[in-house]
All heavy atoms as atom14 arrays in JSON, in Angstrom:
{
  "sequence": "EMKNEGDETATKKKNDDFLDKLHKDREAKGCEYA",
  "atom14_mask": [
    [1, 1, 1, 1, 1, 1, 1, 1, 1, 0, 0, 0, 0, 0],
    [1, 1, 1, 1, 1, 1, 1, 1, 0, 0, 0, 0, 0, 0],
    [1, 1, 1, 1, 1, 1, 1, 1, 1, 0, 0, 0, 0, 0],
    [1, 1, 1, 1, 1, 1, 1, 1, 0, 0, 0, 0, 0, 0],
    [1, 1, 1, 1, 1, 1, 1, 1, 1, 0, 0, 0, 0, 0],
    [1, 1, 1, 1, 0, 0, 0, 0, 0, 0, 0, 0, 0, 0],
    [1, 1, 1, 1, 1, 1, 1, 1, 0, 0, 0, 0, 0, 0],
    [1, 1, 1, 1, 1, 1, 1, 1, 1, 0, 0, 0, 0, 0],
    [1, 1, 1, 1, 1, 1, 1, 0, 0, 0, 0, 0, 0, 0],
    [1, 1, 1, 1, 1, 0, 0, 0, 0, 0, 0, 0, 0, 0],
    [1, 1, 1, 1, 1, 1, 1, 0, 0, 0, 0, 0, 0, 0],
    [1, 1, 1, 1, 1, 1, 1, 1, 1, 0, 0, 0, 0, 0],
    [1, 1, 1, 1, 1, 1, 1, 1, 1, 0, 0, 0, 0, 0],
    [1, 1, 1, 1, 1, 1, 1, 1, 1, 0, 0, 0, 0, 0],
    [1, 1, 1, 1, 1, 1, 1, 1, 0, 0, 0, 0, 0, 0],
    [1, 1, 1, 1, 1, 1, 1, 1, 0, 0, 0, 0, 0, 0],
    [1, 1, 1, 1, 1, 1, 1, 1, 0, 0, 0, 0, 0, 0],
    [1, 1, 1, 1, 1, 1, 1, 1, 1, 1, 1, 0, 0, 0],
    [1, 1, 1, 1, 1, 1, 1, 1, 0, 0, 0, 0, 0, 0],
    [1, 1, 1, 1, 1, 1, 1, 1, 0, 0, 0, 0, 0, 0],
    [1, 1, 1, 1, 1, 1, 1, 1, 1, 0, 0, 0, 0, 0],
    [1, 1, 1, 1, 1, 1, 1, 1, 0, 0, 0, 0, 0, 0],
    [1, 1, 1, 1, 1, 1, 1, 1, 1, 1, 0, 0, 0, 0],
    [1, 1, 1, 1, 1, 1, 1, 1, 1, 0, 0, 0, 0, 0],
    [1, 1, 1, 1, 1, 1, 1, 1, 0, 0, 0, 0, 0, 0],
    [1, 1, 1, 1, 1, 1, 1, 1, 1, 1, 1, 0, 0, 0],
    [1, 1, 1, 1, 1, 1, 1, 1, 1, 0, 0, 0, 0, 0],
    [1, 1, 1, 1, 1, 0, 0, 0, 0, 0, 0, 0, 0, 0],
    [1, 1, 1, 1, 1, 1, 1, 1, 1, 0, 0, 0, 0, 0],
    [1, 1, 1, 1, 0, 0, 0, 0, 0, 0, 0, 0, 0, 0],
    [1, 1, 1, 1, 1, 1, 0, 0, 0, 0, 0, 0, 0, 0],
    [1, 1, 1, 1, 1, 1, 1, 1, 1, 0, 0, 0, 0, 0],
    [1, 1, 1, 1, 1, 1, 1, 1, 1, 1, 1, 1, 0, 0],
    [1, 1, 1, 1, 1, 0, 0, 0, 0, 0, 0, 0, 0, 0]
  ],
  "atom14_positions": [
    [[18.34, -0.89, -14.88], [19.29, -0.44, -13.87], [20.68, -0.87, -14.34], [20.91, -2.04, -14.65], [18.97, -1.05, -12.52], [19.83, -0.55, -11.37], [19.38, 0.81, -10.84], [18.25, 1.24, -11.19], [20.15, 1.44, -10.09], [0.0, 0.0, 0.0], [0.0, 0.0, 0.0], [0.0, 0.0, 0.0], [0.0, 0.0, 0.0], [0.0, 0.0, 0.0]],
    [[21.65, 0.09, -14.42], [23.0, -0.22, -14.87], [23.97, -0.17, -13.7], [23.97, 0.8, -12.93], [23.45, 0.77, -15.95], [22.86, 0.51, -17.33], [21.13, 1.02, -17.44], [20.82, 0.85, -19.2], [0.0, 0.0, 0.0], [0.0, 0.0, 0.0], [0.0, 0.0, 0.0], [0.0, 0.0, 0.0], [0.0, 0.0, 0.0], [0.0, 0.0, 0.0]],
    [[24.76, -1.24, -13.56], [25.75, -1.29, -12.49], [27.07, -1.8, -13.06], [27.14, -2.88, -13.65], [25.29, -2.22, -11.36], [24.07, -1.73, -10.6], [24.37, -0.42, -9.88], [23.11, 0.12, -9.19], [23.36, 1.44, -8.57], [0.0, 0.0, 0.0], [0.0, 0.0, 0.0], [0.0, 0.0, 0.0], [0.0, 0.0, 0.0], [0.0, 0.0, 0.0]],
    [[28.14, -0.99, -12.87], [29.48, -1.46, -13.23], [30.34, -1.58, -11.99], [29.88, -1.32, -10.87], [30.11, -0.54, -14.28], [30.18, 0.91, -13.79], [30.26, 1.17, -12.59], [30.13, 1.86, -14.72], [0.0, 0.0, 0.0], [0.0, 0.0, 0.0], [0.0, 0.0, 0.0], [0.0, 0.0, 0.0], [0.0, 0.0, 0.0], [0.0, 0.0, 0.0]],
    [[31.56, -1.98, -12.18], [32.43, -2.23, -11.03], [32.69, -0.97, -10.23], [32.99, -1.03, -9.04], [33.74, -2.86, -11.5], [33.53, -4.24, -12.12], [34.83, -4.82, -12.65], [35.81, -4.08, -12.7], [34.83, -6.01, -13.02], [0.0, 0.0, 0.0], [0.0, 0.0, 0.0], [0.0, 0.0, 0.0], [0.0, 0.0, 0.0], [0.0, 0.0, 0.0]],
    [[32.56, 0.2, -10.84], [32.77, 1.44, -10.11], [31.62, 1.77, -9.19], [31.73, 2.65, -8.34], [0.0, 0.0, 0.0], [0.0, 0.0, 0.0], [0.0, 0.0, 0.0], [0.0, 0.0, 0.0], [0.0, 0.0, 0.0], [0.0, 0.0, 0.0], [0.0, 0.0, 0.0], [0.0, 0.0, 0.0], [0.0, 0.0, 0.0], [0.0, 0.0, 0.0]],
    [[30.47, 1.06, -9.32], [29.3, 1.32, -8.48], [29.31, 0.5, -7.2], [28.38, 0.56, -6.41], [28.02, 1.02, -9.26], [27.87, 1.97, -10.42], [28.31, 3.12, -10.3], [27.31, 1.55, -11.45], [0.0, 0.0, 0.0], [0.0, 0.0, 0.0], [0.0, 0.0, 0.0], [0.0, 0.0, 0.0], [0.0, 0.0, 0.0], [0.0, 0.0, 0.0]],
    [[30.33, -0.33, -7.01], [30.38, -1.17, -5.81], [30.51, -0.31, -4.56], [31.16, 0.73, -4.56], [31.54, -2.15, -5.89], [31.4, -3.2, -6.98], [32.58, -4.15, -6.97], [33.42, -4.02, -6.07], [32.65, -5.02, -7.86], [0.0, 0.0, 0.0], [0.0, 0.0, 0.0], [0.0, 0.0, 0.0], [0.0, 0.0, 0.0], [0.0, 0.0, 0.0]],
    [[29.87, -0.78, -3.49], [30.0, -0.12, -2.19], [30.47, -1.16, -1.18], [30.67, -2.33, -1.51], [28.65, 0.47, -1.74], [27.73, -0.6, -1.57], [28.11, 1.45, -2.77], [0.0, 0.0, 0.0], [0.0, 0.0, 0.0], [0.0, 0.0, 0.0], [0.0, 0.0, 0.0], [0.0, 0.0, 0.0], [0.0, 0.0, 0.0], [0.0, 0.0, 0.0]],
    [[30.58, -0.74, 0.04], [31.06, -1.66, 1.08], [30.05, -2.77, 1.35], [30.4, -3.86, 1.78], [31.36, -0.89, 2.36], [0.0, 0.0, 0.0], [0.0, 0.0, 0.0], [0.0, 0.0, 0.0], [0.0, 0.0, 0.0], [0.0, 0.0, 0.0], [0.0, 0.0, 0.0], [0.0, 0.0, 0.0], [0.0, 0.0, 0.0], [0.0, 0.0, 0.0]],
    [[28.74, -2.47, 1.11], [27.71, -3.44, 1.44], [27.05, -4.05, 0.2], [26.33, -5.02, 0.32], [26.62, -2.77, 2.29], [26.09, -1.65, 1.58], [27.2, -2.29, 3.61], [0.0, 0.0, 0.0], [0.0, 0.0, 0.0], [0.0, 0.0, 0.0], [0.0, 0.0, 0.0], [0.0, 0.0, 0.0], [0.0, 0.0, 0.0], [0.0, 0.0, 0.0]],
    [[27.27, -3.47, -0.97], [26.62, -3.96, -2.18], [27.68, -4.23, -3.25], [28.13, -3.32, -3.94], [25.59, -2.95, -2.7], [24.4, -2.76, -1.78], [23.38, -1.81, -2.39], [22.17, -1.66, -1.49], [21.16, -0.75, -2.06], [0.0, 0.0, 0.0], [0.0, 0.0, 0.0], [0.0, 0.0, 0.0], [0.0, 0.0, 0.0], [0.0, 0.0, 0.0]],
    [[28.04, -5.5, -3.33], [29.05, -5.9, -4.31], [28.54, -7.01, -5.22], [29.29, -7.48, -6.07], [30.32, -6.38, -3.59], [31.0, -5.28, -2.79], [32.3, -5.77, -2.18], [33.01, -4.67, -1.4], [34.29, -5.12, -0.83], [0.0, 0.0, 0.0], [0.0, 0.0, 0.0], [0.0, 0.0, 0.0], [0.0, 0.0, 0.0], [0.0, 0.0, 0.0]],
    [[27.29, -7.43, -5.02], [26.74, -8.52, -5.82], [25.48, -8.05, -6.53], [24.82, -7.1, -6.12], [26.42, -9.72, -4.95], [27.64, -10.37, -4.31], [27.25, -11.61, -3.52], [28.48, -12.29, -2.94], [28.13, -13.52, -2.18], [0.0, 0.0, 0.0], [0.0, 0.0, 0.0], [0.0, 0.0, 0.0], [0.0, 0.0, 0.0], [0.0, 0.0, 0.0]],
    [[25.15, -8.76, -7.61], [23.96, -8.4, -8.38], [22.68, -8.54, -7.56], [21.74, -7.75, -7.7], [23.87, -9.29, -9.63], [24.99, -8.98, -10.62], [25.27, -7.83, -10.91], [25.62, -10.03, -11.14], [0.0, 0.0, 0.0], [0.0, 0.0, 0.0], [0.0, 0.0, 0.0], [0.0, 0.0, 0.0], [0.0, 0.0, 0.0], [0.0, 0.0, 0.0]],
    [[22.63, -9.58, -6.69], [21.42, -9.8, -5.89], [21.12, -8.62, -4.97], [19.96, -8.43, -4.57], [21.58, -11.06, -5.04], [21.5, -12.32, -5.89], [21.11, -12.21, -7.07], [21.82, -13.41, -5.38], [0.0, 0.0, 0.0], [0.0, 0.0, 0.0], [0.0, 0.0, 0.0], [0.0, 0.0, 0.0], [0.0, 0.0, 0.0], [0.0, 0.0, 0.0]],
    [[22.14, -7.82, -4.64], [21.93, -6.7, -3.72], [21.08, -5.6, -4.33], [20.55, -4.74, -3.6], [23.29, -6.12, -3.28], [24.12, -7.14, -2.52], [23.52, -8.02, -1.89], [25.35, -7.05, -2.57], [0.0, 0.0, 0.0], [0.0, 0.0, 0.0], [0.0, 0.0, 0.0], [0.0, 0.0, 0.0], [0.0, 0.0, 0.0], [0.0, 0.0, 0.0]],
    [[20.94, -5.59, -5.66], [20.22, -4.5, -6.32], [18.85, -4.92, -6.86], [18.14, -4.09, -7.43], [21.07, -3.97, -7.5], [22.4, -3.41, -7.07], [23.52, -4.22, -7.06], [22.52, -2.1, -6.66], [24.76, -3.72, -6.68], [23.75, -1.59, -6.27], [24.88, -2.4, -6.26], [0.0, 0.0, 0.0], [0.0, 0.0, 0.0], [0.0, 0.0, 0.0]],
    [[18.49, -6.19, -6.69], [17.24, -6.68, -7.29], [16.01, -6.1, -6.6], [15.01, -5.76, -7.26], [17.2, -8.2, -7.25], [18.32, -8.92, -8.02], [18.13, -10.42, -7.96], [18.38, -8.44, -9.46], [0.0, 0.0, 0.0], [0.0, 0.0, 0.0], [0.0, 0.0, 0.0], [0.0, 0.0, 0.0], [0.0, 0.0, 0.0], [0.0, 0.0, 0.0]],
    [[16.03, -5.99, -5.27], [14.86, -5.47, -4.55], [14.56, -4.03, -4.94], [13.4, -3.65, -5.17], [15.08, -5.58, -3.04], [15.11, -7.03, -2.58], [14.58, -7.89, -3.31], [15.66, -7.3, -1.49], [0.0, 0.0, 0.0], [0.0, 0.0, 0.0], [0.0, 0.0, 0.0], [0.0, 0.0, 0.0], [0.0, 0.0, 0.0], [0.0, 0.0, 0.0]],
    [[15.63, -3.2, -5.03], [15.42, -1.79, -5.42], [14.91, -1.7, -6.85], [14.03, -0.88, -7.16], [16.73, -1.02, -5.28], [16.61, 0.44, -5.73], [17.93, 1.15, -5.67], [17.79, 2.6, -6.15], [17.33, 2.69, -7.54], [0.0, 0.0, 0.0], [0.0, 0.0, 0.0], [0.0, 0.0, 0.0], [0.0, 0.0, 0.0], [0.0, 0.0, 0.0]],
    [[15.45, -2.54, -7.73], [15.0, -2.53, -9.12], [13.52, -2.89, -9.21], [12.77, -2.27, -9.96], [15.84, -3.52, -9.93], [15.44, -3.7, -11.41], [15.5, -2.37, -12.14], [16.36, -4.72, -12.08], [0.0, 0.0, 0.0], [0.0, 0.0, 0.0], [0.0, 0.0, 0.0], [0.0, 0.0, 0.0], [0.0, 0.0, 0.0], [0.0, 0.0, 0.0]],
    [[13.1, -3.85, -8.41], [11.68, -4.23, -8.41], [10.81, -3.08, -7.9], [9.74, -2.81, -8.44], [11.48, -5.48, -7.54], [10.06, -5.91, -7.43], [9.31, -6.34, -8.5], [9.23, -5.96, -6.34], [8.09, -6.65, -8.09], [8.01, -6.42, -6.79], [0.0, 0.0, 0.0], [0.0, 0.0, 0.0], [0.0, 0.0, 0.0], [0.0, 0.0, 0.0]],
    [[11.3, -2.4, -6.87], [10.56, -1.26, -6.32], [10.45, -0.15, -7.36], [9.37, 0.46, -7.52], [11.26, -0.77, -5.06], [10.54, 0.38, -4.37], [11.28, 0.78, -3.1], [10.58, 1.95, -2.41], [11.32, 2.38, -1.19], [0.0, 0.0, 0.0], [0.0, 0.0, 0.0], [0.0, 0.0, 0.0], [0.0, 0.0, 0.0], [0.0, 0.0, 0.0]],
    [[11.54, 0.15, -8.06], [11.52, 1.18, -9.1], [10.56, 0.78, -10.23], [9.83, 1.62, -10.76], [12.93, 1.38, -9.67], [13.88, 1.96, -8.62], [13.39, 2.54, -7.64], [15.11, 1.8, -8.78], [0.0, 0.0, 0.0], [0.0, 0.0, 0.0], [0.0, 0.0, 0.0], [0.0, 0.0, 0.0], [0.0, 0.0, 0.0], [0.0, 0.0, 0.0]],
    [[10.59, -0.48, -10.61], [9.72, -0.96, -11.68], [8.25, -0.77, -11.32], [7.43, -0.34, -12.12], [10.05, -2.42, -11.96], [9.2, -3.09, -13.07], [8.14, -4.02, -12.5], [8.73, -5.07, -11.71], [9.09, -6.26, -12.19], [8.93, -6.53, -13.46], [9.6, -7.17, -11.37], [0.0, 0.0, 0.0], [0.0, 0.0, 0.0], [0.0, 0.0, 0.0]],
    [[7.87, -1.12, -10.07], [6.48, -0.97, -9.64], [6.09, 0.5, -9.54], [4.96, 0.87, -9.88], [6.28, -1.67, -8.31], [6.29, -3.19, -8.4], [5.86, -3.84, -7.1], [6.09, -3.22, -6.04], [5.31, -4.96, -7.13], [0.0, 0.0, 0.0], [0.0, 0.0, 0.0], [0.0, 0.0, 0.0], [0.0, 0.0, 0.0], [0.0, 0.0, 0.0]],
    [[7.01, 1.35, -9.09], [6.7, 2.78, -8.94], [6.42, 3.43, -10.29], [5.57, 4.33, -10.38], [7.86, 3.49, -8.23], [0.0, 0.0, 0.0], [0.0, 0.0, 0.0], [0.0, 0.0, 0.0], [0.0, 0.0, 0.0], [0.0, 0.0, 0.0], [0.0, 0.0, 0.0], [0.0, 0.0, 0.0], [0.0, 0.0, 0.0], [0.0, 0.0, 0.0]],
    [[7.1, 2.98, -11.35], [6.93, 3.59, -12.67], [6.02, 2.76, -13.58], [5.86, 3.1, -14.76], [8.3, 3.78, -13.33], [9.24, 4.63, -12.49], [8.65, 6.0, -12.17], [9.41, 6.73, -11.07], [10.79, 6.99, -11.35], [0.0, 0.0, 0.0], [0.0, 0.0, 0.0], [0.0, 0.0, 0.0], [0.0, 0.0, 0.0], [0.0, 0.0, 0.0]],
    [[5.44, 1.7, -13.04], [4.47, 0.91, -13.8], [5.06, 0.2, -15.0], [4.42, 0.14, -16.06], [0.0, 0.0, 0.0], [0.0, 0.0, 0.0], [0.0, 0.0, 0.0], [0.0, 0.0, 0.0], [0.0, 0.0, 0.0], [0.0, 0.0, 0.0], [0.0, 0.0, 0.0], [0.0, 0.0, 0.0], [0.0, 0.0, 0.0], [0.0, 0.0, 0.0]],
    [[6.25, -0.36, -14.88], [6.88, -1.09, -15.98], [6.62, -2.59, -15.84], [6.58, -3.12, -14.73], [8.39, -0.82, -16.01], [8.8, 0.9, -16.38], [0.0, 0.0, 0.0], [0.0, 0.0, 0.0], [0.0, 0.0, 0.0], [0.0, 0.0, 0.0], [0.0, 0.0, 0.0], [0.0, 0.0, 0.0], [0.0, 0.0, 0.0], [0.0, 0.0, 0.0]],
    [[6.5, -3.24, -16.99], [6.2, -4.68, -16.99], [7.44, -5.51, -16.65], [7.36, -6.44, -15.86], [5.66, -5.09, -18.36], [5.28, -6.56, -18.45], [4.73, -6.93, -19.82], [4.7, -6.03, -20.71], [4.34, -8.1, -20.01], [0.0, 0.0, 0.0], [0.0, 0.0, 0.0], [0.0, 0.0, 0.0], [0.0, 0.0, 0.0], [0.0, 0.0, 0.0]],
    [[8.59, -5.17, -17.26], [9.82, -5.93, -17.05], [10.83, -5.09, -16.27], [10.76, -3.86, -16.24], [10.44, -6.35, -18.39], [9.63, -7.36, -19.15], [8.69, -6.95, -20.11], [9.79, -8.72, -18.93], [7.93, -7.88, -20.81], [9.04, -9.66, -19.63], [8.11, -9.23, -20.57], [7.38, -10.15, -21.26], [0.0, 0.0, 0.0], [0.0, 0.0, 0.0]],
    [[11.78, -5.81, -15.65], [12.88, -5.15, -14.94], [14.17, -5.87, -15.31], [14.25, -7.1, -15.22], [12.67, -5.19, -13.44], [0.0, 0.0, 0.0], [0.0, 0.0, 0.0], [0.0, 0.0, 0.0], [0.0, 0.0, 0.0], [0.0, 0.0, 0.0], [0.0, 0.0, 0.0], [0.0, 0.0, 0.0], [0.0, 0.0, 0.0], [0.0, 0.0, 0.0]]
  ]
}
C-alpha cells in the first residue's frame, strides 16, 4: 500500500490509520506479508 502526503484526508493523516485496511487487503488476496 503506497501513501504520500497528497493522500492525506481529514480523518487519515497518520500511518496507523491505514494498517487495518492493509491487513484486510492482505487477507483478501492471500498474501503472507503486508
